[in-house]
């Protein structure tokens, strides 16, 4: 079963940790993809977002660069 939210991140990234905490606190089911542990995740993130920086959040095929609560909530409602 594919989760509708994917979070591409790094364990050393403070904004990624903040994003994970927000998703956990809100009870949002997501898949965490560590781009440092899996080169395929990094390539997938770059292809989808055009970015080499994290976090990148994918919600229902839409991309959010960085941590933006408003956009996360908006995209989840779509």
Protein backbone atom coordinates (compact mmCIF):
# COMPACT_ATOMS: atom_id res chain seq x y z
CA UNK A 1 0.00 0.00 0.00
CA UNK A 2 1.44 3.36 -1.01
CA UNK A 3 1.26 6.11 1.56
CA UNK A 4 0.00 9.40 0.20
CA UNK A 5 2.79 11.39 1.92
CA UNK A 6 6.49 10.89 1.30
CA UNK A 7 9.17 12.79 3.20
CA UNK A 8 12.63 12.85 1.62
CA UNK A 9 15.19 13.83 4.20
CA UNK A 10 18.44 13.33 6.07
CA UNK A 11 18.81 12.23 9.69
CA UNK A 12 21.22 15.14 10.30
CA UNK A 13 18.83 17.79 8.95
CA UNK A 14 17.12 19.80 11.73
CA UNK A 15 14.27 20.93 9.45
CA UNK A 16 13.69 17.31 8.41
CA UNK A 17 13.45 16.32 12.08
CA UNK A 18 11.00 19.18 12.68
CA UNK A 19 8.92 18.05 9.69
CA UNK A 20 8.87 14.46 10.97
CA UNK A 21 7.81 15.66 14.43
CA UNK A 22 4.98 17.71 12.93
CA UNK A 23 3.73 14.79 10.84
CA UNK A 24 3.96 12.46 13.85
CA UNK A 25 2.23 14.94 16.18
CA UNK A 26 -0.59 15.43 13.66
CA UNK A 27 -0.99 11.68 13.16
CA UNK A 28 -0.23 11.96 9.45
CA UNK A 29 0.81 8.62 7.95
CA UNK A 30 3.95 9.07 5.85
CA UNK A 31 6.90 7.25 4.38
CA UNK A 32 10.32 8.58 5.39
CA UNK A 33 12.95 8.23 2.67
CA UNK A 34 16.52 8.77 3.88
CA UNK A 35 18.34 10.12 0.83
CA UNK A 36 21.75 9.54 2.45
CA UNK A 37 21.06 5.83 2.96
CA UNK A 38 19.60 5.11 -0.46
CA UNK A 39 20.91 6.71 -3.64
CA UNK A 40 17.72 5.74 -5.51
CA UNK A 41 15.67 7.85 -3.07
CA UNK A 42 17.98 10.80 -3.72
CA UNK A 43 17.65 10.41 -7.50
CA UNK A 44 13.87 10.07 -7.24
CA UNK A 45 13.69 13.24 -5.11
CA UNK A 46 15.80 15.24 -7.57
CA UNK A 47 13.77 14.06 -10.56
CA UNK A 48 10.44 14.87 -8.89
CA UNK A 49 11.42 18.18 -7.28
CA UNK A 50 14.39 19.50 -9.23
CA UNK A 51 16.01 20.05 -5.81
CA UNK A 52 19.08 18.60 -4.14
CA UNK A 53 18.17 20.02 -0.73
CA UNK A 54 15.92 18.52 1.93
CA UNK A 55 13.30 18.24 3.17
CA UNK A 56 11.13 17.54 0.16
CA UNK A 57 7.56 16.45 0.85
CA UNK A 58 5.40 14.72 -1.73
CA UNK A 59 1.65 14.69 -1.09
CA UNK A 60 -0.61 13.03 -3.64
CA UNK A 61 1.94 13.75 -6.37
CA UNK A 62 2.37 17.43 -5.36
CA UNK A 63 5.79 18.63 -4.18
CA UNK A 64 6.58 20.91 -1.24
CA UNK A 65 10.15 22.14 -0.81
CA UNK A 66 11.04 22.69 2.84
CA UNK A 67 8.72 22.62 5.84
CA UNK A 68 5.48 24.55 5.29
CA UNK A 69 2.56 23.58 7.58
CA UNK A 70 0.05 25.61 5.58
CA UNK A 71 0.94 23.89 2.30
CA UNK A 72 0.97 20.45 3.95
CA UNK A 73 -2.54 21.00 5.33
CA UNK A 74 -3.74 22.45 2.01
CA UNK A 75 -2.35 19.57 -0.08
CA UNK A 76 -3.80 16.94 2.28
CA UNK A 77 -7.29 18.44 1.82
CA UNK A 78 -7.14 18.15 -1.98
